[in-house]
Amino acid sequence: MDISSIGGSALTPEVQAQYAVKCIQMARQSDAVIGSLIQDTVEISKEAMDKYIAETQG
């Protein structure tokens, strides 16, 4: 969603502002989801590395 694409539309300024707010909220939620995915990947990778080290040293 591109906020600039609605600038010349027939939408009222109020609707344009609401659309812009929704776009910003969606971007923030996307960032949160990406952050969670990265954190999960790091935790899984650490757990896998810990298991690997335990197997190779034990």
C-alpha atoms as a PDB file:
ATOM      1  CA  MET A   1       0.000   0.000   0.000  1.00  0.00           C
ATOM      2  CA  ASP A   2       1.393   3.288  -1.039  1.00  0.00           C
ATOM      3  CA  ILE A   3       0.023   6.366   0.711  1.00  0.00           C
ATOM      4  CA  SER A   4       1.082   8.645  -2.149  1.00  0.00           C
ATOM      5  CA  SER A   5      -1.187   6.761  -4.541  1.00  0.00           C
ATOM      6  CA  ILE A   6      -4.290   8.172  -2.873  1.00  0.00           C
ATOM      7  CA  GLY A   7      -3.250  11.819  -3.020  1.00  0.00           C
ATOM      8  CA  GLY A   8      -4.997  12.565  -6.304  1.00  0.00           C
ATOM      9  CA  SER A   9      -7.953  10.299  -5.680  1.00  0.00           C
ATOM     10  CA  ALA A  10     -11.566  11.261  -5.140  1.00  0.00           C
ATOM     11  CA  LEU A  11     -11.358  10.263  -1.483  1.00  0.00           C
ATOM     12  CA  THR A  12     -12.034  12.913   1.117  1.00  0.00           C
ATOM     13  CA  PRO A  13      -9.081  14.182   3.152  1.00  0.00           C
ATOM     14  CA  GLU A  14     -10.505  12.387   6.202  1.00  0.00           C
ATOM     15  CA  VAL A  15     -10.623   9.047   4.375  1.00  0.00           C
ATOM     16  CA  GLN A  16      -7.117   9.653   3.019  1.00  0.00           C
ATOM     17  CA  ALA A  17      -5.883  10.264   6.576  1.00  0.00           C
ATOM     18  CA  GLN A  18      -7.595   7.099   7.825  1.00  0.00           C
ATOM     19  CA  TYR A  19      -6.008   5.149   4.985  1.00  0.00           C
ATOM     20  CA  ALA A  20      -2.583   6.567   5.846  1.00  0.00           C
ATOM     21  CA  VAL A  21      -3.033   5.602   9.508  1.00  0.00           C
ATOM     22  CA  LYS A  22      -4.013   2.053   8.514  1.00  0.00           C
ATOM     23  CA  CYS A  23      -0.917   1.818   6.296  1.00  0.00           C
ATOM     24  CA  ILE A  24       1.308   2.934   9.164  1.00  0.00           C
ATOM     25  CA  GLN A  25      -0.345   0.475  11.555  1.00  0.00           C
ATOM     26  CA  MET A  26       0.146  -2.353   9.070  1.00  0.00           C
ATOM     27  CA  ALA A  27       3.803  -1.427   8.625  1.00  0.00           C
ATOM     28  CA  ARG A  28       4.339  -1.478  12.385  1.00  0.00           C
ATOM     29  CA  GLN A  29       2.624  -4.858  12.688  1.00  0.00           C
ATOM     30  CA  SER A  30       4.758  -6.206   9.849  1.00  0.00           C
ATOM     31  CA  ASP A  31       7.900  -5.035  11.646  1.00  0.00           C
ATOM     32  CA  ALA A  32       6.734  -6.756  14.834  1.00  0.00           C
ATOM     33  CA  VAL A  33       6.077 -10.017  12.987  1.00  0.00           C
ATOM     34  CA  ILE A  34       9.467  -9.867  11.281  1.00  0.00           C
ATOM     35  CA  GLY A  35      11.139  -9.201  14.624  1.00  0.00           C
ATOM     36  CA  SER A  36       9.407 -12.208  16.166  1.00  0.00           C
ATOM     37  CA  LEU A  37      10.439 -14.431  13.264  1.00  0.00           C
ATOM     38  CA  ILE A  38      14.055 -13.337  13.571  1.00  0.00           C
ATOM     39  CA  GLN A  39      14.029 -13.894  17.323  1.00  0.00           C
ATOM     40  CA  ASP A  40      12.496 -17.360  16.899  1.00  0.00           C
ATOM     41  CA  THR A  41      15.098 -18.244  14.273  1.00  0.00           C
ATOM     42  CA  VAL A  42      17.919 -17.174  16.581  1.00  0.00           C
ATOM     43  CA  GLU A  43      16.500 -19.219  19.447  1.00  0.00           C
ATOM     44  CA  ILE A  44      16.058 -22.294  17.242  1.00  0.00           C
ATOM     45  CA  SER A  45      19.569 -21.874  15.828  1.00  0.00           C
ATOM     46  CA  LYS A  46      21.037 -21.570  19.330  1.00  0.00           C
ATOM     47  CA  GLU A  47      19.157 -24.652  20.474  1.00  0.00           C
ATOM     48  CA  ALA A  48      20.365 -26.601  17.430  1.00  0.00           C
ATOM     49  CA  MET A  49      23.953 -25.455  18.007  1.00  0.00           C
ATOM     50  CA  ASP A  50      23.766 -26.411  21.691  1.00  0.00           C
ATOM     51  CA  LYS A  51      22.536 -29.895  20.729  1.00  0.00           C
ATOM     52  CA  TYR A  52      25.260 -30.243  18.115  1.00  0.00           C
ATOM     53  CA  ILE A  53      27.983 -29.235  20.576  1.00  0.00           C
ATOM     54  CA  ALA A  54      26.601 -31.611  23.208  1.00  0.00           C
ATOM     55  CA  GLU A  55      26.599 -34.478  20.711  1.00  0.00           C
ATOM     56  CA  THR A  56      30.095 -33.801  19.417  1.00  0.00           C
ATOM     57  CA  GLN A  57      31.629 -33.352  22.870  1.00  0.00           C
ATOM     58  CA  GLY A  58      29.643 -35.984  24.706  1.00  0.00           C
END
